[in-house]
Amino acid sequence: MTGAFTALGAMVLGVLELLGGLAILAARIGRAVLAFQLDRRETVRAFYNVGVKSWAIVALTAMFTGAIMVIQAGQFVSKAQATSFVGWAAGFAVLAEIGPVLIGLMFSGRVGANNTAELGTMVVTEQVDALRALAIDPLVYLVVPRFLAMVCMLFLLTALGDVFALLGGGITSHILIDVPFRVFIAQVVEARLLDEYLLGLAKGSVFGASIAVVSCYYGLGVSGGAVGVGRAVNNAVVVAAIGIFFTDLMVGLAWSQLWGS
């Protein structure tokens, strides 16, 4: 019994230590961003690596997401003979909820894990210490550019993903449930899902910030050589996924309280 309480206490302390570390890093990043302290060349490179190299996998993920939502909604729509609602049902789910979450998870697996591994390798090979020896702040040179890139590019990738999700949904509806593509798009437009679209974009930005802070925290905290890098990447992916679902809940609640949607 004592051992169980000891393990529980250690777990609680570990969670509190993690939350405290993430909060401190987020505060430092926020202060640097407000002071506009960043390396411009590194920022441009981060935007390219994070955004341009990710659009293809995001578009593919979004197309499958739209297709899956149409398949799920189509089962009930076909039984009820209510094909006029398939565009609304698929569009609502994709724009507000499923699309941003799945894109965020894919983004975390590709960009967040890569960021943790890259920073962790720099720590292990003492490149971060070399920056400090040259009087270069690693936060300004390495972390802030990646943070800005992830926030801005996940916002844009979510917007791009919405387009491909509706494209995939429209094609699937035409093939499987005999709803023409133009009718599907017209249903989405008539549903007036602007609030859901904006909610999804807001979630994308918050997800980007969450993934950035988590991946940078674990990357800069690597110890134990190559084994430590692998462990940090694994932990970063898990914690980032939890962070996506938690922030999804918080943003949804805040949105409903502020705008009643």
Protein backbone atom coordinates (compact mmCIF):
# COMPACT_ATOMS: atom_id res chain seq x y z
CA MET A 1 0.00 0.00 0.00
CA THR A 2 2.83 2.34 0.89
CA GLY A 3 4.50 1.54 -2.40
CA ALA A 4 1.33 2.44 -4.30
CA PHE A 5 1.09 5.81 -2.56
CA THR A 6 4.77 6.43 -3.23
CA ALA A 7 4.34 5.67 -6.93
CA LEU A 8 1.25 7.88 -7.09
CA GLY A 9 3.08 10.71 -5.38
CA ALA A 10 6.01 10.39 -7.76
CA MET A 11 3.64 10.48 -10.73
CA VAL A 12 1.88 13.59 -9.42
CA LEU A 13 5.20 15.32 -8.83
CA GLY A 14 6.32 14.37 -12.33
CA VAL A 15 3.17 15.85 -13.85
CA LEU A 16 3.53 19.05 -11.83
CA GLU A 17 7.18 19.33 -12.84
CA LEU A 18 6.21 18.90 -16.49
CA LEU A 19 3.43 21.49 -16.31
CA GLY A 20 5.73 23.93 -14.52
CA GLY A 21 8.49 23.46 -17.07
CA LEU A 22 6.10 23.94 -19.98
CA ALA A 23 4.61 27.05 -18.37
CA ILE A 24 8.03 28.60 -17.79
CA LEU A 25 9.16 27.87 -21.35
CA ALA A 26 5.89 29.25 -22.76
CA ALA A 27 6.31 32.44 -20.71
CA ARG A 28 9.89 32.88 -21.94
CA ILE A 29 8.81 32.33 -25.54
CA GLY A 30 5.95 34.80 -25.16
CA ARG A 31 8.26 37.45 -23.74
CA ALA A 32 10.74 36.97 -26.58
CA VAL A 33 7.98 37.13 -29.22
CA LEU A 34 6.54 40.33 -27.75
CA ALA A 35 10.02 41.86 -27.74
CA PHE A 36 10.45 40.64 -31.35
CA GLN A 37 13.64 38.79 -30.44
CA LEU A 38 14.33 36.24 -33.16
CA ASP A 39 16.78 35.26 -35.86
CA ARG A 40 15.20 36.18 -39.20
CA ARG A 41 17.17 33.72 -41.33
CA GLU A 42 16.38 30.85 -38.99
CA THR A 43 12.73 31.95 -38.93
CA VAL A 44 12.46 31.79 -42.72
CA ARG A 45 14.07 28.36 -42.72
CA ALA A 46 11.68 27.18 -40.02
CA PHE A 47 8.65 28.42 -41.96
CA TYR A 48 9.83 26.51 -45.03
CA ASN A 49 10.56 23.27 -43.17
CA VAL A 50 7.39 23.40 -41.10
CA GLY A 51 4.91 24.59 -43.71
CA VAL A 52 6.03 23.95 -47.27
CA LYS A 53 7.28 20.45 -46.52
CA SER A 54 4.09 19.53 -44.66
CA TRP A 55 1.31 20.63 -47.01
CA ALA A 56 1.22 17.39 -49.02
CA ILE A 57 0.70 15.07 -46.04
CA VAL A 58 -1.82 17.51 -44.55
CA ALA A 59 -3.78 17.63 -47.81
CA LEU A 60 -3.82 13.83 -48.03
CA THR A 61 -4.92 13.51 -44.40
CA ALA A 62 -7.67 16.07 -44.92
CA MET A 63 -9.01 14.36 -48.04
CA PHE A 64 -9.32 11.05 -46.21
CA THR A 65 -10.93 12.85 -43.27
CA GLY A 66 -13.60 14.39 -45.50
CA ALA A 67 -14.23 11.06 -47.19
CA ILE A 68 -14.59 9.24 -43.87
CA MET A 69 -17.04 11.81 -42.52
CA VAL A 70 -19.20 11.49 -45.63
CA ILE A 71 -19.16 7.71 -45.33
CA GLN A 72 -20.21 7.89 -41.67
CA ALA A 73 -22.89 10.51 -42.26
CA GLY A 74 -24.03 8.85 -45.47
CA GLN A 75 -25.18 5.69 -43.68
CA PHE A 76 -27.77 7.62 -41.68
CA VAL A 77 -28.61 10.06 -44.46
CA SER A 78 -29.39 7.25 -46.90
CA LYS A 79 -31.65 5.48 -44.41
CA ALA A 80 -33.56 8.68 -43.64
CA GLN A 81 -33.63 9.79 -47.28
CA ALA A 82 -32.21 13.13 -46.16
CA THR A 83 -29.42 13.63 -48.67
CA SER A 84 -29.81 17.40 -48.38
CA PHE A 85 -28.09 17.22 -44.98
CA VAL A 86 -24.96 15.30 -45.99
CA GLY A 87 -23.02 18.46 -46.86
CA TRP A 88 -23.97 20.16 -43.61
CA ALA A 89 -23.15 17.11 -41.48
CA ALA A 90 -19.78 16.43 -43.10
CA GLY A 91 -18.84 20.12 -43.27
CA PHE A 92 -19.73 20.78 -39.64
CA ALA A 93 -17.71 17.83 -38.34
CA VAL A 94 -14.71 18.45 -40.58
CA LEU A 95 -14.41 22.22 -40.17
CA ALA A 96 -15.00 22.49 -36.43
CA GLU A 97 -13.70 19.30 -34.91
CA ILE A 98 -12.35 16.27 -36.72
CA GLY A 99 -10.32 18.13 -39.35
CA PRO A 100 -8.25 20.35 -37.02
CA VAL A 101 -7.63 17.50 -34.56
CA LEU A 102 -6.44 14.98 -37.16
CA ILE A 103 -4.34 17.59 -38.94
CA GLY A 104 -2.86 18.59 -35.58
CA LEU A 105 -2.00 14.99 -34.72
CA MET A 106 -0.40 14.45 -38.13
CA PHE A 107 1.49 17.74 -37.76
CA SER A 108 2.68 16.67 -34.31
CA GLY A 109 3.91 13.33 -35.60
CA ARG A 110 5.84 14.88 -38.45
CA VAL A 111 6.95 18.34 -37.34
CA GLY A 112 6.85 18.07 -33.55
CA ALA A 113 8.78 14.79 -33.42
CA ASN A 114 11.34 16.09 -35.92
CA ASN A 115 11.77 19.29 -33.91
CA THR A 116 12.37 17.35 -30.69
CA ALA A 117 14.89 15.07 -32.39
CA GLU A 118 16.71 18.00 -34.01
CA LEU A 119 16.99 20.02 -30.80
CA GLY A 120 17.85 16.92 -28.78
CA THR A 121 20.67 16.04 -31.17
CA MET A 122 21.99 19.58 -30.91
CA VAL A 123 21.99 19.28 -27.11
CA VAL A 124 23.73 15.89 -27.16
CA THR A 125 26.40 17.08 -29.61
CA GLU A 126 26.92 20.25 -27.51
CA GLN A 127 25.84 22.61 -30.29
CA VAL A 128 23.48 24.39 -27.88
CA ASP A 129 26.37 24.90 -25.46
CA ALA A 130 28.43 26.28 -28.34
CA LEU A 131 25.71 28.85 -29.04
CA ARG A 132 25.79 29.96 -25.42
CA ALA A 133 29.61 30.20 -25.60
CA LEU A 134 29.18 32.55 -28.56
CA ALA A 135 26.73 34.67 -26.54
CA ILE A 136 23.78 33.52 -28.67
CA ASP A 137 20.60 32.80 -26.77
CA PRO A 138 19.30 29.35 -27.87
CA LEU A 139 15.77 30.46 -27.08
CA VAL A 140 15.99 33.37 -29.52
CA TYR A 141 17.94 31.50 -32.19
CA LEU A 142 16.30 28.07 -32.06
CA VAL A 143 13.01 28.08 -30.15
CA VAL A 144 11.21 31.31 -31.11
CA PRO A 145 11.52 30.77 -34.89
CA ARG A 146 10.14 27.25 -34.54
CA PHE A 147 7.32 28.46 -32.31
CA LEU A 148 6.22 31.17 -34.74
CA ALA A 149 6.49 28.80 -37.69
CA MET A 150 4.36 26.12 -36.05
CA VAL A 151 1.64 28.54 -34.92
CA CYS A 152 1.36 30.38 -38.23
CA MET A 153 1.81 27.41 -40.54
CA LEU A 154 -0.61 25.12 -38.70
CA PHE A 155 -3.18 27.91 -39.00
CA LEU A 156 -2.60 28.04 -42.76
CA LEU A 157 -2.37 24.27 -43.10
CA THR A 158 -5.70 23.92 -41.32
CA ALA A 159 -7.26 26.33 -43.79
CA LEU A 160 -5.72 24.38 -46.66
CA GLY A 161 -6.80 21.09 -45.11
CA ASP A 162 -10.41 22.29 -44.92
CA VAL A 163 -10.43 22.81 -48.68
CA PHE A 164 -9.07 19.34 -49.38
CA ALA A 165 -11.40 17.79 -46.79
CA LEU A 166 -14.43 19.26 -48.54
CA LEU A 167 -12.98 18.14 -51.86
CA GLY A 168 -12.59 14.59 -50.56
CA GLY A 169 -16.06 14.68 -49.05
CA GLY A 170 -17.63 15.95 -52.26
CA ILE A 171 -15.96 13.26 -54.38
CA THR A 172 -16.95 10.52 -51.93
CA SER A 173 -20.56 11.73 -51.76
CA HIS A 174 -20.78 11.68 -55.54
CA ILE A 175 -19.39 8.15 -55.81
CA LEU A 176 -20.99 6.41 -52.84
CA ILE A 177 -24.33 8.08 -52.08
CA ASP A 178 -25.17 9.65 -55.44
CA VAL A 179 -25.01 13.25 -54.25
CA PRO A 180 -23.41 15.29 -57.07
CA PHE A 181 -20.27 17.19 -56.19
CA ARG A 182 -21.80 20.59 -56.96
CA VAL A 183 -24.83 19.75 -54.78
CA PHE A 184 -22.54 18.77 -51.90
CA ILE A 185 -20.62 22.04 -52.12
CA ALA A 186 -23.88 24.00 -52.40
CA GLN A 187 -25.11 22.31 -49.22
CA VAL A 188 -21.93 23.29 -47.40
CA VAL A 189 -22.27 26.90 -48.56
CA GLU A 190 -25.95 27.07 -47.62
CA ALA A 191 -25.19 25.67 -44.17
CA ARG A 192 -23.28 28.89 -43.35
CA LEU A 193 -20.50 27.21 -41.43
CA LEU A 194 -18.34 30.32 -41.07
CA ASP A 195 -18.33 30.08 -37.27
CA GLU A 196 -17.22 26.45 -37.42
CA TYR A 197 -14.55 27.34 -39.98
CA LEU A 198 -13.15 30.10 -37.78
CA LEU A 199 -13.30 27.82 -34.74
CA GLY A 200 -11.23 25.23 -36.60
CA LEU A 201 -8.64 27.86 -37.55
CA ALA A 202 -8.43 29.05 -33.95
CA LYS A 203 -7.89 25.48 -32.82
CA GLY A 204 -5.15 25.05 -35.42
CA SER A 205 -3.21 28.02 -34.05
CA VAL A 206 -3.56 26.83 -30.46
CA PHE A 207 -2.54 23.30 -31.44
CA GLY A 208 0.54 24.73 -33.15
CA ALA A 209 1.53 26.63 -30.01
CA SER A 210 1.01 23.53 -27.86
CA ILE A 211 3.06 21.29 -30.16
CA ALA A 212 5.84 23.87 -30.38
CA VAL A 213 6.19 24.33 -26.63
CA VAL A 214 6.09 20.60 -25.89
CA SER A 215 8.55 19.61 -28.62
CA CYS A 216 11.02 22.37 -27.71
CA TYR A 217 10.74 21.53 -24.01
CA TYR A 218 11.60 17.88 -24.51
CA GLY A 219 14.21 18.64 -27.17
CA LEU A 220 16.18 21.05 -25.00
CA GLY A 221 15.82 18.78 -21.96
CA VAL A 222 17.48 15.74 -23.55
CA SER A 223 20.07 13.86 -21.53
CA GLY A 224 21.66 10.44 -21.92
CA GLY A 225 22.91 10.52 -25.48
CA ALA A 226 21.14 8.90 -28.41
CA VAL A 227 18.91 6.87 -26.11
CA GLY A 228 17.79 10.08 -24.46
CA VAL A 229 16.89 11.60 -27.83
CA GLY A 230 14.65 8.64 -28.68
CA ARG A 231 13.00 8.79 -25.27
CA ALA A 232 12.42 12.54 -25.61
CA VAL A 233 10.80 12.13 -29.05
CA ASN A 234 8.48 9.44 -27.71
CA ASN A 235 7.48 11.55 -24.70
CA ALA A 236 7.00 14.66 -26.84
CA VAL A 237 4.61 12.90 -29.24
CA VAL A 238 2.53 11.48 -26.39
CA VAL A 239 2.34 14.73 -24.42
CA ALA A 240 1.63 16.76 -27.58
CA ALA A 241 -1.29 14.45 -28.42
CA ILE A 242 -2.69 14.89 -24.91
CA GLY A 243 -2.19 18.63 -25.25
CA ILE A 244 -4.10 18.69 -28.53
CA PHE A 245 -7.14 16.99 -27.00
CA PHE A 246 -7.00 19.15 -23.88
CA THR A 247 -6.69 22.43 -25.78
CA ASP A 248 -9.41 21.24 -28.16
CA LEU A 249 -11.73 20.98 -25.17
CA MET A 250 -10.66 24.33 -23.72
CA VAL A 251 -10.95 26.23 -27.00
CA GLY A 252 -14.35 24.68 -27.68
CA LEU A 253 -15.63 25.68 -24.25
CA ALA A 254 -14.22 29.20 -24.53
CA TRP A 255 -15.71 29.62 -28.01
CA SER A 256 -19.15 28.50 -26.88
CA GLN A 257 -19.03 30.89 -23.92
CA LEU A 258 -17.89 33.89 -25.97
CA TRP A 259 -19.86 33.41 -29.16
CA GLY A 260 -22.52 30.91 -28.19
CA SER A 261 -21.73 28.60 -31.08
